[in-house]
C-alpha atoms as a PDB file:
ATOM      1  CA  MET A   1      55.689 -32.616  15.284  1.00  0.00           C
ATOM      2  CA  GLY A   2      57.041 -31.048  18.529  1.00  0.00           C
ATOM      3  CA  ALA A   3      57.898 -27.462  19.283  1.00  0.00           C
ATOM      4  CA  ASN A   4      61.110 -27.728  17.232  1.00  0.00           C
ATOM      5  CA  ASN A   5      60.119 -26.949  13.657  1.00  0.00           C
ATOM      6  CA  GLY A   6      63.653 -26.272  12.476  1.00  0.00           C
ATOM      7  CA  ASP A   7      63.551 -22.529  13.182  1.00  0.00           C
ATOM      8  CA  THR A   8      66.334 -20.981  15.215  1.00  0.00           C
ATOM      9  CA  MET A   9      65.250 -20.150  18.734  1.00  0.00           C
ATOM     10  CA  GLU A  10      66.263 -16.781  20.146  1.00  0.00           C
ATOM     11  CA  PHE A  11      67.507 -16.293  23.692  1.00  0.00           C
ATOM     12  CA  GLN A  12      67.686 -12.863  25.295  1.00  0.00           C
ATOM     13  CA  VAL A  13      68.770 -11.597  28.692  1.00  0.00           C
ATOM     14  CA  GLU A  14      67.548  -8.224  29.890  1.00  0.00           C
ATOM     15  CA  LYS A  15      70.170  -5.447  29.961  1.00  0.00           C
ATOM     16  CA  GLU A  16      69.697  -4.950  33.719  1.00  0.00           C
ATOM     17  CA  ASN A  17      70.521  -8.629  34.346  1.00  0.00           C
ATOM     18  CA  GLU A  18      73.566  -8.377  32.072  1.00  0.00           C
ATOM     19  CA  ASN A  19      75.017  -5.526  34.146  1.00  0.00           C
ATOM     20  CA  LYS A  20      74.301  -7.355  37.394  1.00  0.00           C
ATOM     21  CA  ALA A  21      75.952 -10.511  36.033  1.00  0.00           C
ATOM     22  CA  LYS A  22      79.094  -8.553  35.144  1.00  0.00           C
ATOM     23  CA  GLU A  23      79.288  -7.027  38.633  1.00  0.00           C
ATOM     24  CA  VAL A  24      78.772 -10.367  40.360  1.00  0.00           C
ATOM     25  CA  ILE A  25      81.346 -12.118  38.157  1.00  0.00           C
ATOM     26  CA  MET A  26      83.982  -9.521  39.024  1.00  0.00           C
ATOM     27  CA  GLN A  27      83.214  -9.610  42.761  1.00  0.00           C
ATOM     28  CA  VAL A  28      83.321 -13.406  42.818  1.00  0.00           C
ATOM     29  CA  TYR A  29      86.488 -13.395  40.691  1.00  0.00           C
ATOM     30  CA  ARG A  30      88.274 -11.169  43.212  1.00  0.00           C
ATOM     31  CA  SER A  31      87.108 -13.319  46.121  1.00  0.00           C
ATOM     32  CA  LEU A  32      88.352 -16.494  44.445  1.00  0.00           C
ATOM     33  CA  LEU A  33      91.744 -14.890  43.798  1.00  0.00           C
ATOM     34  CA  GLU A  34      91.986 -13.678  47.390  1.00  0.00           C
ATOM     35  CA  LYS A  35      91.439 -17.232  48.625  1.00  0.00           C
ATOM     36  CA  GLY A  36      94.026 -18.656  46.201  1.00  0.00           C
ATOM     37  CA  TYR A  37      91.684 -20.429  43.777  1.00  0.00           C
ATOM     38  CA  GLU A  38      91.966 -20.492  39.981  1.00  0.00           C
ATOM     39  CA  PRO A  39      88.806 -18.497  39.107  1.00  0.00           C
ATOM     40  CA  ILE A  40      88.322 -19.924  35.601  1.00  0.00           C
ATOM     41  CA  ASN A  41      88.286 -23.496  36.881  1.00  0.00           C
ATOM     42  CA  GLN A  42      85.914 -22.616  39.704  1.00  0.00           C
ATOM     43  CA  PHE A  43      83.496 -20.753  37.414  1.00  0.00           C
ATOM     44  CA  VAL A  44      83.474 -23.629  34.913  1.00  0.00           C
ATOM     45  CA  GLY A  45      82.823 -26.154  37.675  1.00  0.00           C
ATOM     46  CA  TYR A  46      79.942 -24.078  38.968  1.00  0.00           C
ATOM     47  CA  ILE A  47      78.367 -23.392  35.578  1.00  0.00           C
ATOM     48  CA  ILE A  48      78.553 -27.041  34.475  1.00  0.00           C
ATOM     49  CA  SER A  49      77.420 -28.630  37.724  1.00  0.00           C
ATOM     50  CA  GLY A  50      75.332 -25.959  39.419  1.00  0.00           C
ATOM     51  CA  ASP A  51      77.128 -26.867  42.660  1.00  0.00           C
ATOM     52  CA  PRO A  52      77.722 -23.618  44.580  1.00  0.00           C
ATOM     53  CA  THR A  53      80.560 -25.167  46.597  1.00  0.00           C
ATOM     54  CA  TYR A  54      82.832 -24.452  43.616  1.00  0.00           C
ATOM     55  CA  ILE A  55      82.591 -20.827  44.746  1.00  0.00           C
ATOM     56  CA  THR A  56      84.166 -19.643  47.993  1.00  0.00           C
ATOM     57  CA  SER A  57      81.953 -18.191  50.690  1.00  0.00           C
ATOM     58  CA  HIS A  58      84.647 -15.517  51.250  1.00  0.00           C
ATOM     59  CA  ASN A  59      83.161 -12.005  50.915  1.00  0.00           C
ATOM     60  CA  ASN A  60      79.711 -13.585  50.438  1.00  0.00           C
ATOM     61  CA  ALA A  61      80.745 -14.737  46.928  1.00  0.00           C
ATOM     62  CA  ARG A  62      78.788 -18.003  47.083  1.00  0.00           C
ATOM     63  CA  TYR A  63      75.585 -16.152  47.878  1.00  0.00           C
ATOM     64  CA  LEU A  64      76.238 -13.562  45.160  1.00  0.00           C
ATOM     65  CA  ILE A  65      76.864 -16.125  42.425  1.00  0.00           C
ATOM     66  CA  GLN A  66      73.547 -17.780  43.206  1.00  0.00           C
ATOM     67  CA  THR A  67      71.671 -14.502  42.606  1.00  0.00           C
ATOM     68  CA  ILE A  68      72.438 -14.842  38.875  1.00  0.00           C
ATOM     69  CA  GLU A  69      71.096 -17.660  36.707  1.00  0.00           C
ATOM     70  CA  ARG A  70      73.871 -19.849  35.308  1.00  0.00           C
ATOM     71  CA  ASP A  71      72.750 -19.204  31.728  1.00  0.00           C
ATOM     72  CA  GLU A  72      73.124 -15.460  32.349  1.00  0.00           C
ATOM     73  CA  LEU A  73      76.644 -15.996  33.681  1.00  0.00           C
ATOM     74  CA  LEU A  74      77.537 -18.058  30.631  1.00  0.00           C
ATOM     75  CA  GLU A  75      76.090 -15.426  28.316  1.00  0.00           C
ATOM     76  CA  GLU A  76      78.213 -12.727  29.977  1.00  0.00           C
ATOM     77  CA  PHE A  77      81.387 -14.819  29.663  1.00  0.00           C
ATOM     78  CA  ILE A  78      80.713 -15.485  25.973  1.00  0.00           C
ATOM     79  CA  HIS A  79      79.821 -11.849  25.342  1.00  0.00           C
ATOM     80  CA  CYS A  80      83.090 -10.624  26.887  1.00  0.00           C
ATOM     81  CA  TYR A  81      85.136 -13.246  25.057  1.00  0.00           C
ATOM     82  CA  LEU A  82      83.648 -12.317  21.685  1.00  0.00           C
ATOM     83  CA  GLN A  83      84.125  -8.599  22.318  1.00  0.00           C
ATOM     84  CA  MET A  84      87.795  -9.179  23.107  1.00  0.00           C
ATOM     85  CA  HIS A  85      88.340 -11.273  19.973  1.00  0.00           C
ATOM     86  CA  GLU A  86      86.094  -9.688  17.360  1.00  0.00           C
ATOM     87  CA  LYS A  87      89.073  -7.988  15.694  1.00  0.00           C
ATOM     88  CA  ASP A  88      91.046 -11.269  15.397  1.00  0.00           C
END
């Protein structure tokens, strides 16, 4: 039998990386808005494909987004979404 024995795997991102991800997301978000892009669409394209050209190079946003692993970005988006809707 392989490594999957039916147990739930746990995934954790260090707190320091979480804070950095939040900062980068907001900086990139502002840069995308400034250039007239729809940030949600651009973030989704980047996270799904890994292609950094979904992110503008304006204000060094493309470089910044690549300093964070895509799974960490996704975790931050999910975390924020759940925090906003936990009372629903």
